[in-house]
Amino acid sequence: MKIQSLSNVELLTILIGQKTTAKLYQGRLTQLVSGSDDKRPARKLAASLEFAKRLLHEKLDKGPALQSPKDVTEYLATHFLNREYETFVVIFLDNQHCVISIEEMFRGTINGASVYPREVAYAVLKHKAAACIFAHNHPSGVAEPSMADKAITKRLKDALSTIDIRVLDHFVVAGSKIVSFAERGLL
């Protein structure tokens, strides 16, 4: 049987055992991987999640060119999992849209993060990027871009266009829901 076809309970049983799974699992994986619990199973699951994040990051980093929004969404969904505060990420790309680097540049509160175009421009130049993709999360669980999201995207796009840097997309992530500005025609 393929590992992908296993249920959550079956996967957890492999990782932490049947008795521990029965004791801890209450139907939601996010409660088990918060990493805030010092109990061995919770730490083991949090470590597993971190390992998965690193694998996805490695897959993107210096990997093949990003051709569509779907190429990025798997990484973003995992990156923002369990975030109780808003963060803003920039994916720096070369001329062929291969990933140079991925950086979490700004961290905010539960309902916002301040984003500074000057800092983004500096980072783009430091990485010698030709293009970039933005992403941030909405801890509220609502993936719809706000007016503030649209405004900062325009400010960033305008600022970066003056130095010939292309903004390819901006993603809003809310749990498993991800909205692409490019797919919505908002760029």
N, C-alpha and C. Protein backbone atom coordinates (compact mmCIF):
# COMPACT_ATOMS: atom_id res chain seq x y z
N MET A 1 0.85 -1.18 0.00
CA MET A 1 0.00 0.00 0.00
C MET A 1 0.90 1.25 0.00
N LYS A 2 0.55 2.21 -0.85
CA LYS A 2 1.33 3.44 -0.94
C LYS A 2 1.10 4.29 0.30
N ILE A 3 2.17 4.95 0.74
CA ILE A 3 2.11 5.79 1.94
C ILE A 3 1.10 6.93 1.75
N GLN A 4 0.96 7.44 0.51
CA GLN A 4 0.04 8.55 0.24
C GLN A 4 -1.42 8.16 0.45
N SER A 5 -1.73 6.89 0.35
CA SER A 5 -3.12 6.46 0.48
C SER A 5 -3.52 6.14 1.92
N LEU A 6 -2.58 6.23 2.85
CA LEU A 6 -2.88 5.95 4.25
C LEU A 6 -3.69 7.08 4.88
N SER A 7 -4.51 6.75 5.82
CA SER A 7 -5.29 7.76 6.56
C SER A 7 -4.38 8.47 7.55
N ASN A 8 -4.88 9.55 8.14
CA ASN A 8 -4.13 10.26 9.18
C ASN A 8 -3.78 9.34 10.34
N VAL A 9 -4.75 8.55 10.75
CA VAL A 9 -4.53 7.63 11.88
C VAL A 9 -3.44 6.62 11.53
N GLU A 10 -3.48 6.08 10.32
CA GLU A 10 -2.47 5.10 9.91
C GLU A 10 -1.07 5.72 9.86
N LEU A 11 -0.99 6.94 9.34
CA LEU A 11 0.31 7.62 9.31
C LEU A 11 0.83 7.90 10.71
N LEU A 12 -0.04 8.41 11.57
CA LEU A 12 0.35 8.68 12.95
C LEU A 12 0.79 7.41 13.67
N THR A 13 0.13 6.31 13.41
CA THR A 13 0.49 5.03 14.03
C THR A 13 1.91 4.64 13.64
N ILE A 14 2.28 4.87 12.40
CA ILE A 14 3.65 4.60 11.96
C ILE A 14 4.64 5.48 12.71
N LEU A 15 4.30 6.77 12.88
CA LEU A 15 5.21 7.72 13.51
C LEU A 15 5.30 7.58 15.03
N ILE A 16 4.16 7.43 15.70
CA ILE A 16 4.20 7.49 17.18
C ILE A 16 3.57 6.29 17.86
N GLY A 17 3.10 5.32 17.08
CA GLY A 17 2.55 4.11 17.68
C GLY A 17 1.04 4.18 17.86
N GLN A 18 0.43 3.01 17.94
CA GLN A 18 -1.03 2.90 17.99
C GLN A 18 -1.62 3.46 19.28
N LYS A 19 -1.02 3.13 20.43
CA LYS A 19 -1.57 3.59 21.71
C LYS A 19 -1.49 5.10 21.84
N THR A 20 -0.34 5.67 21.46
CA THR A 20 -0.15 7.12 21.56
C THR A 20 -1.09 7.84 20.60
N THR A 21 -1.26 7.29 19.40
CA THR A 21 -2.18 7.88 18.43
C THR A 21 -3.60 7.89 18.99
N ALA A 22 -4.03 6.78 19.53
CA ALA A 22 -5.38 6.69 20.10
C ALA A 22 -5.56 7.69 21.24
N LYS A 23 -4.50 7.92 21.99
CA LYS A 23 -4.57 8.83 23.13
C LYS A 23 -4.58 10.31 22.70
N LEU A 24 -3.79 10.66 21.68
CA LEU A 24 -3.59 12.07 21.33
C LEU A 24 -4.45 12.58 20.17
N TYR A 25 -4.70 11.76 19.18
CA TYR A 25 -5.36 12.25 17.96
C TYR A 25 -6.86 12.43 18.17
N GLN A 26 -7.33 13.64 17.90
CA GLN A 26 -8.75 13.97 18.07
C GLN A 26 -9.36 14.52 16.79
N GLY A 27 -8.80 14.08 15.66
CA GLY A 27 -9.38 14.47 14.37
C GLY A 27 -8.73 15.65 13.69
N ARG A 28 -7.81 16.36 14.36
CA ARG A 28 -7.14 17.52 13.73
C ARG A 28 -5.64 17.39 13.90
N LEU A 29 -4.94 17.35 12.77
CA LEU A 29 -3.49 17.21 12.80
C LEU A 29 -2.80 18.45 13.34
N THR A 30 -3.36 19.62 13.07
CA THR A 30 -2.69 20.86 13.48
C THR A 30 -2.47 20.93 14.98
N GLN A 31 -3.36 20.33 15.76
CA GLN A 31 -3.19 20.33 17.21
C GLN A 31 -1.98 19.50 17.64
N LEU A 32 -1.61 18.53 16.83
CA LEU A 32 -0.52 17.62 17.20
C LEU A 32 0.86 18.13 16.82
N VAL A 33 0.93 19.05 15.88
CA VAL A 33 2.23 19.47 15.36
C VAL A 33 2.60 20.90 15.73
N SER A 34 1.99 21.42 16.75
CA SER A 34 2.27 22.81 17.14
C SER A 34 3.68 22.98 17.66
N GLY A 35 4.26 21.92 18.22
CA GLY A 35 5.62 21.99 18.74
C GLY A 35 5.72 22.66 20.09
N SER A 36 4.60 23.12 20.64
CA SER A 36 4.64 23.81 21.93
C SER A 36 4.60 22.82 23.10
N ASP A 37 4.23 21.60 22.83
CA ASP A 37 4.14 20.57 23.87
C ASP A 37 5.49 19.87 23.98
N ASP A 38 6.00 19.75 25.19
CA ASP A 38 7.29 19.09 25.39
C ASP A 38 7.19 17.57 25.45
N LYS A 39 5.99 17.05 25.31
CA LYS A 39 5.82 15.60 25.32
C LYS A 39 6.49 15.02 24.07
N ARG A 40 7.07 13.87 24.24
CA ARG A 40 7.84 13.24 23.18
C ARG A 40 7.07 13.10 21.85
N PRO A 41 5.83 12.56 21.85
CA PRO A 41 5.13 12.42 20.56
C PRO A 41 4.91 13.74 19.84
N ALA A 42 4.52 14.77 20.59
CA ALA A 42 4.28 16.08 19.96
C ALA A 42 5.57 16.64 19.39
N ARG A 43 6.66 16.49 20.09
CA ARG A 43 7.96 16.97 19.59
C ARG A 43 8.37 16.18 18.35
N LYS A 44 8.10 14.88 18.36
CA LYS A 44 8.43 14.04 17.23
C LYS A 44 7.63 14.46 15.99
N LEU A 45 6.35 14.76 16.19
CA LEU A 45 5.52 15.20 15.07
C LEU A 45 5.94 16.59 14.58
N ALA A 46 6.26 17.49 15.51
CA ALA A 46 6.73 18.83 15.13
C ALA A 46 8.03 18.71 14.35
N ALA A 47 8.90 17.81 14.76
CA ALA A 47 10.16 17.58 14.03
C ALA A 47 9.88 17.02 12.64
N SER A 48 8.89 16.13 12.54
CA SER A 48 8.51 15.58 11.24
C SER A 48 8.01 16.68 10.31
N LEU A 49 7.20 17.58 10.85
CA LEU A 49 6.69 18.69 10.05
C LEU A 49 7.84 19.58 9.59
N GLU A 50 8.75 19.91 10.49
CA GLU A 50 9.90 20.74 10.12
C GLU A 50 10.73 20.05 9.04
N PHE A 51 10.89 18.75 9.17
CA PHE A 51 11.62 17.98 8.16
C PHE A 51 10.92 18.08 6.81
N ALA A 52 9.59 17.96 6.79
CA ALA A 52 8.82 18.07 5.55
C ALA A 52 8.99 19.47 4.94
N LYS A 53 8.95 20.50 5.78
CA LYS A 53 9.16 21.87 5.29
C LYS A 53 10.51 22.00 4.61
N ARG A 54 11.53 21.44 5.25
CA ARG A 54 12.88 21.53 4.69
C ARG A 54 13.00 20.77 3.38
N LEU A 55 12.33 19.63 3.29
CA LEU A 55 12.34 18.88 2.03
C LEU A 55 11.69 19.68 0.91
N LEU A 56 10.54 20.31 1.20
CA LEU A 56 9.87 21.12 0.19
C LEU A 56 10.70 22.33 -0.19
N HIS A 57 11.35 22.95 0.80
CA HIS A 57 12.21 24.10 0.53
C HIS A 57 13.37 23.67 -0.37
N GLU A 58 13.96 22.54 -0.05
CA GLU A 58 15.08 22.01 -0.84
C GLU A 58 14.63 21.72 -2.28
N LYS A 59 13.42 21.22 -2.42
CA LYS A 59 12.87 20.91 -3.74
C LYS A 59 12.74 22.18 -4.59
N LEU A 60 12.32 23.27 -3.95
CA LEU A 60 12.21 24.55 -4.66
C LEU A 60 13.55 25.23 -4.86
N ASP A 61 14.38 25.19 -3.82
CA ASP A 61 15.64 25.92 -3.83
C ASP A 61 16.57 25.36 -4.89
N LYS A 62 17.00 26.22 -5.79
CA LYS A 62 17.92 25.86 -6.86
C LYS A 62 17.37 24.74 -7.74
N GLY A 63 16.07 24.61 -7.74
CA GLY A 63 15.43 23.56 -8.52
C GLY A 63 15.05 24.05 -9.90
N PRO A 64 14.15 23.31 -10.53
CA PRO A 64 13.72 23.72 -11.88
C PRO A 64 12.94 25.03 -11.84
N ALA A 65 12.80 25.62 -13.00
CA ALA A 65 12.09 26.89 -13.10
C ALA A 65 10.64 26.73 -12.65
N LEU A 66 10.14 27.77 -12.00
CA LEU A 66 8.73 27.79 -11.60
C LEU A 66 7.91 28.23 -12.80
N GLN A 67 7.01 27.38 -13.22
CA GLN A 67 6.23 27.65 -14.43
C GLN A 67 4.81 28.12 -14.16
N SER A 68 4.28 27.79 -12.98
CA SER A 68 2.90 28.14 -12.70
C SER A 68 2.72 28.34 -11.19
N PRO A 69 1.61 28.95 -10.78
CA PRO A 69 1.36 29.13 -9.34
C PRO A 69 1.35 27.80 -8.58
N LYS A 70 0.91 26.72 -9.21
CA LYS A 70 0.83 25.42 -8.54
C LYS A 70 2.22 24.91 -8.13
N ASP A 71 3.26 25.36 -8.82
CA ASP A 71 4.61 24.94 -8.47
C ASP A 71 5.02 25.43 -7.08
N VAL A 72 4.39 26.50 -6.61
CA VAL A 72 4.78 27.13 -5.35
C VAL A 72 3.83 26.80 -4.20
N THR A 73 2.58 26.48 -4.49
CA THR A 73 1.57 26.37 -3.45
C THR A 73 1.83 25.28 -2.41
N GLU A 74 2.39 24.15 -2.83
CA GLU A 74 2.66 23.07 -1.88
C GLU A 74 3.64 23.54 -0.80
N TYR A 75 4.69 24.22 -1.24
CA TYR A 75 5.67 24.74 -0.29
C TYR A 75 5.01 25.76 0.64
N LEU A 76 4.24 26.67 0.09
CA LEU A 76 3.64 27.74 0.91
C LEU A 76 2.67 27.19 1.94
N ALA A 77 1.84 26.23 1.55
CA ALA A 77 0.88 25.66 2.49
C ALA A 77 1.59 25.06 3.69
N THR A 78 2.70 24.40 3.44
CA THR A 78 3.48 23.79 4.54
C THR A 78 4.22 24.86 5.33
N HIS A 79 4.80 25.83 4.64
CA HIS A 79 5.57 26.88 5.31
C HIS A 79 4.72 27.64 6.33
N PHE A 80 3.49 27.96 5.97
CA PHE A 80 2.64 28.77 6.84
C PHE A 80 1.79 27.97 7.81
N LEU A 81 1.90 26.66 7.79
CA LEU A 81 1.09 25.81 8.67
C LEU A 81 1.30 26.18 10.13
N ASN A 82 0.21 26.34 10.85
CA ASN A 82 0.20 26.63 12.29
C ASN A 82 0.73 28.01 12.66
N ARG A 83 0.87 28.91 11.74
CA ARG A 83 1.33 30.25 12.08
C ARG A 83 0.19 31.01 12.73
N GLU A 84 0.42 31.52 13.93
CA GLU A 84 -0.60 32.28 14.64
C GLU A 84 -0.41 33.78 14.43
N TYR A 85 0.57 34.13 13.63
CA TYR A 85 0.87 35.52 13.33
C TYR A 85 1.12 35.63 11.84
N GLU A 86 0.94 36.83 11.30
CA GLU A 86 1.12 37.04 9.87
C GLU A 86 2.59 37.21 9.55
N THR A 87 3.04 36.56 8.48
CA THR A 87 4.40 36.71 8.00
C THR A 87 4.38 36.95 6.49
N PHE A 88 5.42 37.62 6.01
CA PHE A 88 5.53 37.97 4.60
C PHE A 88 6.81 37.36 4.05
N VAL A 89 6.67 36.57 3.01
CA VAL A 89 7.78 35.83 2.41
C VAL A 89 8.05 36.36 1.01
N VAL A 90 9.33 36.40 0.63
CA VAL A 90 9.70 36.73 -0.74
C VAL A 90 10.51 35.57 -1.30
N ILE A 91 10.11 35.13 -2.50
CA ILE A 91 10.85 34.11 -3.23
C ILE A 91 11.61 34.84 -4.33
N PHE A 92 12.93 34.80 -4.27
CA PHE A 92 13.79 35.49 -5.22
C PHE A 92 14.13 34.54 -6.37
N LEU A 93 13.97 35.02 -7.61
CA LEU A 93 14.14 34.18 -8.79
C LEU A 93 15.15 34.76 -9.76
N ASP A 94 15.81 33.88 -10.53
CA ASP A 94 16.72 34.35 -11.57
C ASP A 94 15.94 34.58 -12.87
N ASN A 95 16.66 34.82 -13.97
CA ASN A 95 16.02 35.10 -15.26
C ASN A 95 15.16 33.96 -15.78
N GLN A 96 15.51 32.72 -15.42
CA GLN A 96 14.76 31.56 -15.88
C GLN A 96 13.69 31.15 -14.86
N HIS A 97 13.48 31.98 -13.86
CA HIS A 97 12.50 31.75 -12.78
C HIS A 97 12.85 30.57 -11.91
N CYS A 98 14.15 30.28 -11.78
CA CYS A 98 14.63 29.30 -10.81
C CYS A 98 14.83 30.01 -9.48
N VAL A 99 14.57 29.31 -8.39
CA VAL A 99 14.66 29.92 -7.07
C VAL A 99 16.12 30.17 -6.69
N ILE A 100 16.40 31.41 -6.33
CA ILE A 100 17.72 31.79 -5.78
C ILE A 100 17.68 31.61 -4.27
N SER A 101 16.60 32.13 -3.68
CA SER A 101 16.47 32.06 -2.22
C SER A 101 15.01 32.34 -1.84
N ILE A 102 14.66 31.89 -0.64
CA ILE A 102 13.34 32.15 -0.08
C ILE A 102 13.57 32.74 1.30
N GLU A 103 13.00 33.91 1.55
CA GLU A 103 13.20 34.57 2.84
C GLU A 103 11.89 35.04 3.44
N GLU A 104 11.74 34.79 4.74
CA GLU A 104 10.65 35.38 5.49
C GLU A 104 11.15 36.75 5.93
N MET A 105 10.60 37.80 5.33
CA MET A 105 11.16 39.14 5.54
C MET A 105 10.48 39.94 6.64
N PHE A 106 9.18 39.73 6.84
CA PHE A 106 8.47 40.53 7.83
C PHE A 106 7.54 39.63 8.65
N ARG A 107 7.46 39.95 9.92
CA ARG A 107 6.58 39.21 10.82
C ARG A 107 5.70 40.23 11.55
N GLY A 108 4.42 39.90 11.66
CA GLY A 108 3.50 40.83 12.28
C GLY A 108 2.73 40.22 13.42
N THR A 109 1.47 40.59 13.50
CA THR A 109 0.59 40.11 14.56
C THR A 109 -0.46 39.18 13.95
N ILE A 110 -1.51 38.92 14.69
CA ILE A 110 -2.53 38.01 14.18
C ILE A 110 -3.30 38.56 12.99
N ASN A 111 -3.26 39.87 12.78
CA ASN A 111 -4.05 40.43 11.69
C ASN A 111 -3.30 41.39 10.79
N GLY A 112 -1.98 41.36 10.80
CA GLY A 112 -1.25 42.23 9.89
C GLY A 112 0.25 42.18 10.10
N ALA A 113 0.96 42.55 9.04
CA ALA A 113 2.42 42.67 9.10
C ALA A 113 2.80 43.89 8.27
N SER A 114 3.67 44.70 8.80
CA SER A 114 4.16 45.86 8.05
C SER A 114 5.19 45.38 7.04
N VAL A 115 5.02 45.83 5.79
CA VAL A 115 5.92 45.46 4.70
C VAL A 115 6.52 46.74 4.15
N TYR A 116 7.85 46.77 4.03
CA TYR A 116 8.55 47.98 3.60
C TYR A 116 9.19 47.76 2.23
N PRO A 117 8.70 48.46 1.19
CA PRO A 117 9.24 48.29 -0.16
C PRO A 117 10.76 48.50 -0.24
N ARG A 118 11.30 49.44 0.54
CA ARG A 118 12.74 49.68 0.52
C ARG A 118 13.51 48.43 0.92
N GLU A 119 13.03 47.72 1.96
CA GLU A 119 13.70 46.50 2.42
C GLU A 119 13.60 45.38 1.39
N VAL A 120 12.45 45.29 0.74
CA VAL A 120 12.27 44.28 -0.31
C VAL A 120 13.20 44.59 -1.48
N ALA A 121 13.26 45.84 -1.90
CA ALA A 121 14.15 46.22 -3.00
C ALA A 121 15.61 45.92 -2.66
N TYR A 122 16.02 46.24 -1.45
CA TYR A 122 17.38 45.95 -1.01
C TYR A 122 17.67 44.45 -1.10
N ALA A 123 16.74 43.63 -0.61
CA ALA A 123 16.93 42.18 -0.63
C ALA A 123 16.98 41.63 -2.05
N VAL A 124 16.14 42.15 -2.94
CA VAL A 124 16.14 41.72 -4.33
C VAL A 124 17.49 42.02 -4.97
N LEU A 125 18.01 43.20 -4.72
CA LEU A 125 19.32 43.56 -5.28
C LEU A 125 20.44 42.73 -4.66
N LYS A 126 20.37 42.48 -3.37
CA LYS A 126 21.37 41.67 -2.68
C LYS A 126 21.44 40.26 -3.27
N HIS A 127 20.28 39.71 -3.61
CA HIS A 127 20.23 38.36 -4.18
C HIS A 127 20.44 38.35 -5.70
N LYS A 128 20.56 39.54 -6.28
CA LYS A 128 20.72 39.67 -7.73
C LYS A 128 19.58 38.97 -8.48
N ALA A 129 18.38 39.14 -7.96
CA ALA A 129 17.20 38.51 -8.53
C ALA A 129 16.70 39.30 -9.74
N ALA A 130 16.10 38.59 -10.68
CA ALA A 130 15.48 39.20 -11.84
C ALA A 130 13.97 39.31 -11.68
N ALA A 131 13.44 38.48 -10.77
CA ALA A 131 12.00 38.45 -10.53
C ALA A 131 11.77 37.98 -9.11
N CYS A 132 10.53 38.14 -8.64
CA CYS A 132 10.22 37.65 -7.31
C CYS A 132 8.73 37.33 -7.20
N ILE A 133 8.45 36.55 -6.17
CA ILE A 133 7.08 36.16 -5.83
C ILE A 133 6.89 36.49 -4.36
N PHE A 134 5.75 37.08 -4.03
CA PHE A 134 5.44 37.39 -2.64
C PHE A 134 4.42 36.39 -2.11
N ALA A 135 4.44 36.19 -0.81
CA ALA A 135 3.43 35.35 -0.16
C ALA A 135 3.29 35.79 1.28
N HIS A 136 2.08 35.74 1.78
CA HIS A 136 1.87 35.98 3.20
C HIS A 136 0.65 35.17 3.64
N ASN A 137 0.53 34.99 4.92
CA ASN A 137 -0.58 34.20 5.44
C ASN A 137 -1.62 35.07 6.13
N HIS A 138 -2.80 34.51 6.23
CA HIS A 138 -3.90 35.10 6.98
C HIS A 138 -4.27 34.11 8.08
N PRO A 139 -3.79 34.33 9.31
CA PRO A 139 -4.12 33.41 10.41
C PRO A 139 -5.61 33.28 10.67
N SER A 140 -6.39 34.24 10.18
CA SER A 140 -7.85 34.21 10.37
C SER A 140 -8.51 33.04 9.65
N GLY A 141 -7.81 32.48 8.65
CA GLY A 141 -8.38 31.39 7.87
C GLY A 141 -9.11 31.85 6.62
N VAL A 142 -9.15 33.16 6.38
CA VAL A 142 -9.80 33.73 5.20
C VAL A 142 -8.72 34.08 4.19
N ALA A 143 -8.75 33.41 3.03
CA ALA A 143 -7.68 33.59 2.03
C ALA A 143 -7.92 34.77 1.09
N GLU A 144 -9.05 35.41 1.18
CA GLU A 144 -9.34 36.54 0.28
C GLU A 144 -8.37 37.69 0.51
N PRO A 145 -7.75 38.22 -0.56
CA PRO A 145 -6.86 39.37 -0.41
C PRO A 145 -7.62 40.60 0.09
N SER A 146 -7.05 41.27 1.07
CA SER A 146 -7.67 42.49 1.60
C SER A 146 -7.28 43.68 0.74
N MET A 147 -7.90 44.81 0.99
CA MET A 147 -7.52 46.04 0.28
C MET A 147 -6.08 46.40 0.59
N ALA A 148 -5.64 46.17 1.84
CA ALA A 148 -4.25 46.44 2.22
C ALA A 148 -3.31 45.53 1.45
N ASP A 149 -3.69 44.26 1.25
CA ASP A 149 -2.86 43.32 0.47
C ASP A 149 -2.70 43.82 -0.96
N LYS A 150 -3.79 44.27 -1.54
CA LYS A 150 -3.75 44.77 -2.92
C LYS A 150 -2.90 46.03 -3.01
N ALA A 151 -3.02 46.90 -2.01
CA ALA A 151 -2.28 48.16 -2.02
C ALA A 151 -0.78 47.92 -1.88
N ILE A 152 -0.37 47.04 -0.96
CA ILE A 152 1.08 46.81 -0.79
C ILE A 152 1.65 46.09 -2.01
N THR A 153 0.87 45.24 -2.63
CA THR A 153 1.34 44.56 -3.84
C THR A 153 1.59 45.58 -4.94
N LYS A 154 0.69 46.52 -5.09
CA LYS A 154 0.88 47.57 -6.11
C LYS A 154 2.11 48.42 -5.79
N ARG A 155 2.26 48.79 -4.51
CA ARG A 155 3.43 49.60 -4.12
C ARG A 155 4.73 48.85 -4.39
N LEU A 156 4.75 47.58 -4.05
CA LEU A 156 5.96 46.77 -4.28
C LEU A 156 6.23 46.61 -5.77
N LYS A 157 5.20 46.31 -6.52
CA LYS A 157 5.36 46.13 -7.96
C LYS A 157 5.87 47.41 -8.62
N ASP A 158 5.29 48.56 -8.24
CA ASP A 158 5.72 49.85 -8.78
C ASP A 158 7.17 50.15 -8.41
N ALA A 159 7.52 49.93 -7.14
CA ALA A 159 8.88 50.21 -6.68
C ALA A 159 9.90 49.32 -7.41
N LEU A 160 9.58 48.04 -7.53
CA LEU A 160 10.53 47.12 -8.15
C LEU A 160 10.62 47.30 -9.66
N SER A 161 9.55 47.77 -10.28
CA SER A 161 9.60 47.99 -11.73
C SER A 161 10.60 49.08 -12.09
N THR A 162 10.85 50.01 -11.18
CA THR A 162 11.83 51.08 -11.46
C THR A 162 13.26 50.54 -11.54
N ILE A 163 13.49 49.34 -11.00
CA ILE A 163 14.82 48.73 -11.09
C ILE A 163 14.75 47.43 -11.92
N ASP A 164 13.75 47.35 -12.79
CA ASP A 164 13.58 46.24 -13.74
C ASP A 164 13.46 44.86 -13.10
N ILE A 165 12.75 44.78 -11.98
CA ILE A 165 12.49 43.50 -11.33
C ILE A 165 11.01 43.17 -11.55
N ARG A 166 10.75 41.98 -12.06
CA ARG A 166 9.38 41.56 -12.32
C ARG A 166 8.77 40.92 -11.07
N VAL A 167 7.54 41.28 -10.77
CA VAL A 167 6.77 40.63 -9.71
C VAL A 167 5.84 39.65 -10.41
N LEU A 168 6.05 38.36 -10.18
CA LEU A 168 5.29 37.34 -10.89
C LEU A 168 3.98 36.97 -10.23
N ASP A 169 3.94 37.06 -8.89
CA ASP A 169 2.72 36.68 -8.20
C ASP A 169 2.79 37.11 -6.74
N HIS A 170 1.65 37.08 -6.11
CA HIS A 170 1.53 37.29 -4.66
C HIS A 170 0.46 36.31 -4.20
N PHE A 171 0.83 35.46 -3.26
CA PHE A 171 -0.09 34.45 -2.74
C PHE A 171 -0.56 34.83 -1.35
N VAL A 172 -1.84 34.59 -1.09
CA VAL A 172 -2.39 34.71 0.26
C VAL A 172 -2.74 33.30 0.70
N VAL A 173 -2.17 32.89 1.84
CA VAL A 173 -2.33 31.53 2.33
C VAL A 173 -3.14 31.55 3.63
N ALA A 174 -4.19 30.74 3.67
CA ALA A 174 -5.00 30.60 4.88
C ALA A 174 -5.29 29.11 5.04
N GLY A 175 -4.44 28.44 5.78
CA GLY A 175 -4.57 27.00 5.92
C GLY A 175 -4.30 26.33 4.59
N SER A 176 -5.23 25.51 4.13
CA SER A 176 -5.06 24.84 2.85
C SER A 176 -5.60 25.67 1.69
N LYS A 177 -6.19 26.82 1.99
CA LYS A 177 -6.71 27.70 0.94
C LYS A 177 -5.63 28.69 0.54
N ILE A 178 -5.37 28.77 -0.76
CA ILE A 178 -4.34 29.67 -1.27
C ILE A 178 -4.90 30.43 -2.46
N VAL A 179 -4.75 31.75 -2.43
CA VAL A 179 -5.21 32.60 -3.52
C VAL A 179 -4.00 33.21 -4.22
N SER A 180 -3.98 33.11 -5.54
CA SER A 180 -2.92 33.67 -6.36
C SER A 180 -3.41 34.97 -7.00
N PHE A 181 -2.67 36.07 -6.77
CA PHE A 181 -3.03 37.33 -7.40
C PHE A 181 -2.98 37.19 -8.92
N ALA A 182 -1.97 36.49 -9.44
CA ALA A 182 -1.83 36.34 -10.90
C ALA A 182 -3.03 35.61 -11.49
N GLU A 183 -3.46 34.53 -10.85
CA GLU A 183 -4.61 33.78 -11.35
C GLU A 183 -5.89 34.60 -11.29
N ARG A 184 -5.97 35.52 -10.35
CA ARG A 184 -7.16 36.37 -10.20
C ARG A 184 -7.09 37.64 -11.06
N GLY A 185 -5.97 37.83 -11.74
CA GLY A 185 -5.80 39.04 -12.56
C GLY A 185 -5.57 40.29 -11.75
N LEU A 186 -5.01 40.14 -10.56
CA LEU A 186 -4.79 41.29 -9.67
C LEU A 186 -3.39 41.90 -9.80
N LEU A 187 -2.58 41.37 -10.70
CA LEU A 187 -1.23 41.95 -10.87
C LEU A 187 -1.26 42.88 -12.05
